[in-house]
Amino acid sequence: MTGPSPSPTAAVVVAAGQGLRAGGTVPKQFALWRGKPLVRHSVEALVKAGVAPIVVVIPAAWEQIAADALAGLDGVRFVHGAASRQGSVRAGLEALAADAPVHVLIHDAARPDLPGSVIAALVAALESQPGAIPVLPVVDSVVRGAQGLRGEFVERDGLYRVQTPQAFRFEAILAAHRAWGGAEDAGDDAAVAEAAGLAVALVSGDERLKKVTFAEDLKDDSMTKVPVRTGMGFDVHRLAEGEELWLCGVKIEHSKGLAGHSDADVAIHALVDALLGAIAAGDIGDHFPPSDAQWRGASSDRFLEHAGKLVADAGYGIGNVDVTIICEAPRIGPHKAAMRARLAAILAIDIARVSVKATTTERLGFTGRGEGIAAQAVASVIAQS
């Protein structure tokens, strides 16, 4: 009786960096790009291409964030990375060794836009060569420079820009990594392969495979083509004894307050989601996860300031916001002016652009029974020239 056939093609996705060079509070591979965590884009492309299993190499202590970023994707495994990229790749390869695939793709999570055509070309090249990498020809003039001055001209014929994923016959690249004797990290996996005497074929890469490195790279410039965008948000929190009641950044005296991980300002939470939705930047849980202890009891003003900054970073200004608070008590009318003023101040916009309304559910449902308060919000954002 024979065992199961090895997987035709598996993948190692390197997402083990811990730096915050791209800004934000999480490593860039977990930051949002076009509405999803950066790492999710390329992993989704690999899943769509039928690649399995996919080992994602992550930094220690970021397991939950990584699991949330790739939730719902089949065939994904996690392994901790090492101090160097070289070590992280080997950790990923070793995780596949027990049930070795025929081929493996080694990809950097910082290259999110992975075309299926590149995956297909790489796998096809492995029929005749032990390794293959995607490249793009250098089309600009190339010169050497020293001390800020132009040096000698470099002939660009035969020069290429190297991308990932890089593809290899699995057993060959695993042996090459195990045998690597370089004192320093290899430039890429193709260098490890060549050091082991493996030939590496060149296939056509794609400009879409550009690397995300800095904060500005995380912006989706295509959004500026849409002059007006709209988002909506909805949130609910339960009323509880012994809690403070904050609504739209205003503290209201009441017999009960809203319970939640932060100050539970249900109206601001709905508005944050509306603003994030308008620029396709996920939701409040992506930016301020309840699992993160630093947000326990935090003022929701900080969440709204962050959302406003993201709108500006995306090249938009806030057109108007409209919040509706749904409850039987307390009465919202006496506080609406203060609420509008507070939201306008947090977002640094004119109060004329802020609407706060209230309604009841005629004593129906949980809000009608006084068990909680709900809020919904709509926000429009306008492209800035």
Protein backbone atom coordinates (compact mmCIF):
# COMPACT_ATOMS: atom_id res chain seq x y z
CA MET A 1 0.00 0.00 0.00
CA THR A 2 1.49 3.35 -1.03
CA GLY A 3 1.13 6.65 0.82
CA PRO A 4 -0.49 9.77 -0.54
CA SER A 5 1.12 11.41 -3.54
CA PRO A 6 3.21 14.48 -2.70
CA SER A 7 1.68 17.86 -3.38
CA PRO A 8 2.64 19.11 -6.86
CA THR A 9 3.42 22.66 -5.70
CA ALA A 10 3.63 24.15 -2.21
CA ALA A 11 4.72 27.61 -1.11
CA VAL A 12 6.69 29.39 1.57
CA VAL A 13 5.59 32.99 2.12
CA VAL A 14 8.13 34.99 4.11
CA ALA A 15 6.31 37.39 6.46
CA ALA A 16 8.69 37.33 9.42
CA GLY A 17 9.86 40.94 9.51
CA GLN A 18 9.20 42.84 12.72
CA GLY A 19 10.12 46.34 11.60
CA LEU A 20 7.63 49.21 11.38
CA ARG A 21 9.37 51.02 8.50
CA ALA A 22 6.05 51.40 6.69
CA GLY A 23 4.50 53.13 9.69
CA GLY A 24 1.60 51.98 11.84
CA THR A 25 1.53 49.77 14.90
CA VAL A 26 2.01 46.37 13.25
CA PRO A 27 4.67 44.99 10.88
CA LYS A 28 3.90 46.04 7.32
CA GLN A 29 2.92 42.50 6.23
CA PHE A 30 -0.15 42.79 8.50
CA ALA A 31 -0.96 46.41 7.63
CA LEU A 32 -3.96 47.08 5.42
CA TRP A 33 -3.49 47.52 1.68
CA ARG A 34 -6.53 47.86 -0.57
CA GLY A 35 -8.75 46.87 2.32
CA LYS A 36 -6.95 43.66 3.34
CA PRO A 37 -3.82 42.78 5.31
CA LEU A 38 -0.84 42.95 2.94
CA VAL A 39 0.10 39.28 3.37
CA ARG A 40 -3.42 38.09 2.52
CA HIS A 41 -3.26 39.31 -1.08
CA SER A 42 -0.45 37.03 -2.25
CA VAL A 43 -1.65 34.08 -0.14
CA GLU A 44 -5.08 34.38 -1.75
CA ALA A 45 -3.43 34.39 -5.18
CA LEU A 46 -1.52 31.21 -4.32
CA VAL A 47 -4.67 29.51 -3.03
CA LYS A 48 -6.51 30.50 -6.21
CA ALA A 49 -3.70 28.96 -8.27
CA GLY A 50 -4.11 25.64 -6.45
CA VAL A 51 -0.88 25.90 -4.48
CA ALA A 52 -0.97 23.89 -1.23
CA PRO A 53 0.11 23.73 1.47
CA ILE A 54 1.24 27.30 2.06
CA VAL A 55 3.66 27.84 4.95
CA VAL A 56 3.63 31.45 6.14
CA VAL A 57 6.72 32.37 8.13
CA ILE A 58 5.77 34.89 10.81
CA PRO A 59 7.48 36.73 13.68
CA ALA A 60 7.06 35.29 17.16
CA ALA A 61 4.32 36.93 19.27
CA TRP A 62 2.25 37.86 16.20
CA GLU A 63 0.43 34.54 15.89
CA GLN A 64 -3.07 35.89 16.53
CA ILE A 65 -2.66 38.84 14.18
CA ALA A 66 -1.37 36.46 11.48
CA ALA A 67 -4.25 34.04 12.06
CA ASP A 68 -6.77 36.88 11.81
CA ALA A 69 -5.10 38.21 8.65
CA LEU A 70 -5.41 34.84 6.87
CA ALA A 71 -8.62 33.57 8.44
CA GLY A 72 -10.74 31.35 6.18
CA LEU A 73 -7.97 30.40 3.73
CA ASP A 74 -7.46 26.66 3.28
CA GLY A 75 -4.09 24.95 3.45
CA VAL A 76 -2.28 27.69 5.37
CA ARG A 77 0.24 26.79 8.08
CA PHE A 78 2.39 29.03 10.29
CA VAL A 79 5.98 28.72 11.45
CA HIS A 80 8.17 31.19 13.33
CA GLY A 81 10.91 32.96 11.43
CA ALA A 82 14.57 33.40 12.27
CA ALA A 83 16.85 36.40 12.71
CA SER A 84 17.63 36.48 8.97
CA ARG A 85 15.58 35.99 5.83
CA GLN A 86 17.81 33.03 5.02
CA GLY A 87 16.91 31.36 8.30
CA SER A 88 13.22 32.14 7.87
CA VAL A 89 13.11 30.54 4.42
CA ARG A 90 14.83 27.44 5.72
CA ALA A 91 12.33 27.23 8.61
CA GLY A 92 9.52 27.29 6.06
CA LEU A 93 11.15 24.62 3.91
CA GLU A 94 11.80 22.36 6.89
CA ALA A 95 8.13 22.65 7.82
CA LEU A 96 7.30 21.08 4.44
CA ALA A 97 9.94 18.36 4.58
CA ALA A 98 7.89 15.69 6.33
CA ASP A 99 5.44 15.55 3.41
CA ALA A 100 7.66 16.97 0.70
CA PRO A 101 6.02 18.59 -2.34
CA VAL A 102 7.44 18.26 -5.83
CA HIS A 103 7.91 22.01 -6.30
CA VAL A 104 7.97 24.99 -3.97
CA LEU A 105 7.44 28.70 -4.53
CA ILE A 106 9.28 31.05 -2.15
CA HIS A 107 7.61 34.44 -1.98
CA ASP A 108 7.96 37.70 -0.04
CA ALA A 109 4.74 38.92 1.58
CA ALA A 110 5.82 42.48 0.73
CA ARG A 111 4.92 41.77 -2.92
CA PRO A 112 1.12 41.54 -2.60
CA ASP A 113 -0.05 41.77 -6.21
CA LEU A 114 0.85 38.29 -7.49
CA PRO A 115 -0.46 37.51 -11.00
CA GLY A 116 -1.49 33.93 -11.72
CA SER A 117 0.37 34.11 -15.03
CA VAL A 118 3.70 34.45 -13.20
CA ILE A 119 2.94 31.44 -11.01
CA ALA A 120 2.09 29.37 -14.10
CA ALA A 121 5.27 30.42 -15.93
CA LEU A 122 7.47 29.53 -12.96
CA VAL A 123 5.94 26.09 -12.49
CA ALA A 124 6.22 25.38 -16.22
CA ALA A 125 9.92 26.29 -16.18
CA LEU A 126 10.56 23.67 -13.50
CA GLU A 127 9.79 20.95 -16.03
CA SER A 128 13.22 21.56 -17.57
CA GLN A 129 15.24 23.38 -14.88
CA PRO A 130 15.64 22.91 -11.10
CA GLY A 131 14.93 26.57 -10.43
CA ALA A 132 13.25 29.61 -11.98
CA ILE A 133 12.83 33.27 -11.03
CA PRO A 134 10.70 36.11 -12.45
CA VAL A 135 12.66 39.07 -13.80
CA LEU A 136 12.12 42.33 -15.61
CA PRO A 137 14.72 43.88 -17.94
CA VAL A 138 16.41 47.10 -16.84
CA VAL A 139 15.19 49.74 -19.30
CA ASP A 140 16.66 52.91 -17.79
CA SER A 141 20.24 54.03 -18.25
CA VAL A 142 22.50 52.79 -15.47
CA VAL A 143 25.53 54.60 -14.02
CA ARG A 144 27.72 54.13 -11.00
CA GLY A 145 27.89 56.95 -8.51
CA ALA A 146 30.20 58.01 -5.70
CA GLN A 147 29.95 60.90 -3.23
CA GLY A 148 26.90 62.22 -5.00
CA LEU A 149 28.59 62.45 -8.40
CA ARG A 150 27.99 60.52 -11.58
CA GLY A 151 30.51 57.80 -12.30
CA GLU A 152 30.99 55.38 -15.14
CA PHE A 153 28.20 54.23 -17.44
CA VAL A 154 27.08 50.62 -16.98
CA GLU A 155 25.88 48.67 -19.99
CA ARG A 156 22.31 47.60 -19.24
CA ASP A 157 22.11 44.73 -21.74
CA GLY A 158 21.71 41.52 -19.80
CA LEU A 159 20.70 43.29 -16.56
CA TYR A 160 17.42 42.32 -14.89
CA ARG A 161 15.37 43.26 -11.86
CA VAL A 162 14.64 40.17 -9.77
CA GLN A 163 11.24 39.51 -8.20
CA THR A 164 9.53 36.78 -6.20
CA PRO A 165 8.12 34.18 -5.99
CA GLN A 166 11.16 32.11 -6.88
CA ALA A 167 10.42 28.51 -7.82
CA PHE A 168 12.44 25.36 -7.25
CA ARG A 169 12.27 21.62 -7.18
CA PHE A 170 11.71 21.11 -3.48
CA GLU A 171 14.30 18.50 -2.60
CA ALA A 172 16.99 20.42 -4.49
CA ILE A 173 16.39 23.79 -2.81
CA LEU A 174 16.01 22.22 0.65
CA ALA A 175 19.38 20.51 0.23
CA ALA A 176 20.88 23.78 -1.01
CA HIS A 177 19.66 25.67 2.03
CA ARG A 178 20.94 22.98 4.38
CA ALA A 179 24.33 23.11 2.67
CA TRP A 180 24.57 26.91 2.51
CA GLY A 181 27.87 27.94 3.99
CA GLY A 182 27.77 31.67 3.41
CA ALA A 183 28.76 33.75 6.41
CA GLU A 184 26.10 36.31 5.50
CA ASP A 185 22.51 36.14 4.36
CA ALA A 186 22.14 35.26 0.69
CA GLY A 187 20.77 37.95 -1.60
CA ASP A 188 17.90 35.65 -2.55
CA ASP A 189 17.08 31.97 -2.85
CA ALA A 190 18.41 31.83 -6.38
CA ALA A 191 21.84 32.66 -4.95
CA VAL A 192 21.54 29.71 -2.58
CA ALA A 193 20.54 27.48 -5.50
CA GLU A 194 23.44 28.63 -7.67
CA ALA A 195 25.91 28.08 -4.81
CA ALA A 196 24.74 24.46 -4.80
CA GLY A 197 25.32 24.17 -8.55
CA LEU A 198 21.66 24.44 -9.59
CA ALA A 199 20.71 26.16 -12.82
CA VAL A 200 18.10 28.91 -12.47
CA ALA A 201 15.91 29.85 -15.42
CA LEU A 202 14.59 33.36 -16.06
CA VAL A 203 10.89 33.88 -16.78
CA SER A 204 9.01 37.09 -17.45
CA GLY A 205 8.03 38.95 -14.30
CA ASP A 206 5.32 41.58 -13.94
CA GLU A 207 5.35 45.24 -12.92
CA ARG A 208 2.43 44.46 -10.61
CA LEU A 209 4.87 42.51 -8.43
CA LYS A 210 6.41 45.68 -7.02
CA LYS A 211 7.57 45.59 -3.42
CA VAL A 212 5.80 47.49 -0.65
CA THR A 213 8.46 49.09 1.54
CA PHE A 214 7.44 52.50 2.88
CA ALA A 215 4.24 54.03 4.28
CA GLU A 216 3.41 55.73 0.97
CA ASP A 217 3.57 52.33 -0.75
CA LEU A 218 0.60 51.20 1.33
CA LYS A 219 -1.62 53.83 -0.24
CA ASP A 220 -3.89 52.72 -3.05
CA ASP A 221 -3.36 55.50 -5.59
CA SER A 222 -6.17 54.14 -7.76
CA MET A 223 -8.66 55.42 -5.19
CA THR A 224 -7.96 59.01 -6.13
CA LYS A 225 -9.67 58.32 -9.46
CA VAL A 226 -13.02 58.18 -7.63
CA PRO A 227 -14.09 61.75 -6.77
CA VAL A 228 -16.54 60.84 -3.98
CA ARG A 229 -16.70 57.71 -1.86
CA THR A 230 -19.24 56.71 0.79
CA GLY A 231 -19.02 54.36 3.77
CA MET A 232 -21.41 53.21 6.44
CA GLY A 233 -20.97 51.80 9.91
CA PHE A 234 -23.08 50.13 12.58
CA ASP A 235 -22.29 49.18 16.18
CA VAL A 236 -24.00 47.95 19.32
CA HIS A 237 -22.96 47.91 22.98
CA ARG A 238 -24.88 46.69 25.99
CA LEU A 239 -25.81 48.90 28.93
CA ALA A 240 -24.39 47.87 32.29
CA GLU A 241 -24.30 49.09 35.88
CA GLY A 242 -21.14 50.82 37.03
CA GLU A 243 -20.00 51.94 33.55
CA GLU A 244 -19.60 55.48 32.21
CA LEU A 245 -21.78 56.50 29.28
CA TRP A 246 -19.89 58.13 26.39
CA LEU A 247 -21.65 59.04 23.15
CA CYS A 248 -19.99 61.01 20.32
CA GLY A 249 -17.13 61.85 22.67
CA VAL A 250 -19.44 63.43 25.26
CA LYS A 251 -19.89 61.98 28.76
CA ILE A 252 -23.56 61.74 29.70
CA GLU A 253 -24.86 61.24 33.23
CA HIS A 254 -27.09 58.15 33.27
CA SER A 255 -27.93 55.25 35.57
CA LYS A 256 -26.01 52.87 33.31
CA GLY A 257 -23.09 53.06 30.92
CA LEU A 258 -21.95 51.14 27.86
CA ALA A 259 -19.75 48.08 28.35
CA GLY A 260 -16.92 47.29 25.96
CA HIS A 261 -13.17 46.84 25.57
CA SER A 262 -12.55 50.60 25.13
CA ASP A 263 -14.84 53.32 26.48
CA ALA A 264 -17.56 51.68 24.32
CA ASP A 265 -18.64 54.90 22.60
CA VAL A 266 -21.00 53.15 20.21
CA ALA A 267 -21.62 56.27 18.12
CA ILE A 268 -17.94 56.96 17.47
CA HIS A 269 -17.33 53.29 16.72
CA ALA A 270 -20.02 53.35 14.04
CA LEU A 271 -18.54 56.54 12.58
CA VAL A 272 -15.02 55.07 12.54
CA ASP A 273 -16.30 52.12 10.52
CA ALA A 274 -18.10 54.47 8.13
CA LEU A 275 -14.90 56.44 7.46
CA LEU A 276 -12.79 53.29 7.08
CA GLY A 277 -15.41 51.84 4.76
CA ALA A 278 -15.33 54.93 2.58
CA ILE A 279 -11.63 54.35 1.80
CA ALA A 280 -11.84 50.53 1.86
CA ALA A 281 -9.48 50.34 4.85
CA GLY A 282 -11.14 47.50 6.76
CA ASP A 283 -12.95 48.05 10.04
CA ILE A 284 -12.23 49.23 13.57
CA GLY A 285 -11.24 45.72 14.69
CA ASP A 286 -8.45 45.61 12.09
CA HIS A 287 -6.84 48.75 13.50
CA PHE A 288 -7.70 48.41 17.20
CA PRO A 289 -8.24 44.69 17.89
CA PRO A 290 -10.06 43.87 21.16
CA SER A 291 -7.36 41.25 21.80
CA ASP A 292 -4.79 44.05 22.26
CA ALA A 293 -4.67 45.06 25.92
CA GLN A 294 -3.45 48.59 25.13
CA TRP A 295 -6.94 49.56 23.96
CA ARG A 296 -8.70 48.47 27.19
CA GLY A 297 -10.58 51.50 28.45
CA ALA A 298 -9.10 53.72 25.73
CA SER A 299 -10.93 56.85 24.64
CA SER A 300 -12.67 56.32 21.32
CA ASP A 301 -11.54 59.82 20.34
CA ARG A 302 -8.21 58.19 19.43
CA PHE A 303 -9.94 55.75 17.07
CA LEU A 304 -11.76 58.56 15.28
CA GLU A 305 -8.59 60.66 14.98
CA HIS A 306 -6.83 57.66 13.42
CA ALA A 307 -9.67 57.12 10.93
CA GLY A 308 -9.56 60.79 9.97
CA LYS A 309 -5.81 60.58 9.40
CA LEU A 310 -6.24 57.51 7.19
CA VAL A 311 -8.80 59.38 5.09
CA ALA A 312 -6.30 62.21 4.61
CA ASP A 313 -3.44 59.80 3.89
CA ALA A 314 -5.57 58.21 1.17
CA GLY A 315 -5.89 61.59 -0.56
CA TYR A 316 -9.41 62.43 0.61
CA GLY A 317 -11.12 65.05 2.72
CA ILE A 318 -14.24 64.44 4.78
CA GLY A 319 -17.33 65.73 3.01
CA ASN A 320 -19.88 65.09 5.73
CA VAL A 321 -20.75 62.60 8.47
CA ASP A 322 -24.17 61.61 9.74
CA VAL A 323 -24.67 59.63 12.98
CA THR A 324 -27.93 58.17 14.28
CA ILE A 325 -28.10 56.98 17.90
CA ILE A 326 -30.79 54.38 18.63
CA CYS A 327 -31.99 54.12 22.25
CA GLU A 328 -34.95 54.67 24.58
CA ALA A 329 -32.85 56.45 27.21
CA PRO A 330 -31.11 58.72 27.89
CA ARG A 331 -32.63 61.53 25.86
CA ILE A 332 -30.13 62.55 23.18
CA GLY A 333 -31.74 65.87 22.18
CA PRO A 334 -30.20 67.98 24.96
CA HIS A 335 -26.70 66.74 24.04
CA LYS A 336 -26.77 66.90 20.23
CA ALA A 337 -25.10 70.29 19.94
CA ALA A 338 -22.23 69.22 22.20
CA MET A 339 -21.91 65.95 20.30
CA ARG A 340 -21.71 67.69 16.94
CA ALA A 341 -19.10 70.09 18.25
CA ARG A 342 -17.00 67.29 19.72
CA LEU A 343 -17.03 65.18 16.55
CA ALA A 344 -16.16 68.25 14.46
CA ALA A 345 -13.22 69.00 16.77
CA ILE A 346 -11.86 65.46 16.67
CA LEU A 347 -12.07 65.33 12.87
CA ALA A 348 -10.93 68.94 12.43
CA ILE A 349 -13.87 69.78 10.17
CA ASP A 350 -16.57 72.44 10.22
CA ILE A 351 -19.54 71.62 12.46
CA ALA A 352 -21.82 72.19 9.46
CA ARG A 353 -20.48 68.90 8.07
CA VAL A 354 -21.55 66.93 11.15
CA SER A 355 -25.04 65.62 11.81
CA VAL A 356 -26.17 63.79 14.96
CA LYS A 357 -29.67 62.40 15.18
CA ALA A 358 -31.51 60.09 17.56
CA THR A 359 -34.43 57.71 17.33
CA THR A 360 -36.11 54.93 19.31
CA THR A 361 -37.43 51.52 18.34
CA GLU A 362 -40.83 52.16 19.99
CA ARG A 363 -39.77 49.93 22.91
CA LEU A 364 -39.14 46.99 20.57
CA GLY A 365 -36.01 44.85 20.68
CA PHE A 366 -32.98 45.13 22.93
CA THR A 367 -32.76 48.91 22.60
CA GLY A 368 -36.46 49.21 23.37
CA ARG A 369 -35.97 47.14 26.51
CA GLY A 370 -33.09 49.35 27.60
CA GLU A 371 -30.54 46.55 27.32
CA GLY A 372 -28.19 48.41 24.99
CA ILE A 373 -27.63 51.27 22.57
CA ALA A 374 -27.04 50.99 18.83
CA ALA A 375 -25.69 53.52 16.37
CA GLN A 376 -25.34 53.80 12.63
CA ALA A 377 -23.29 56.25 10.63
CA VAL A 378 -22.72 57.34 7.05
CA ALA A 379 -19.66 59.26 5.85
CA SER A 380 -18.71 60.72 2.51
CA VAL A 381 -15.16 61.57 1.51
CA ILE A 382 -14.04 63.75 -1.40
CA ALA A 383 -10.86 63.34 -3.44
CA GLN A 384 -8.37 66.14 -2.89
CA SER A 385 -6.46 67.62 -5.80
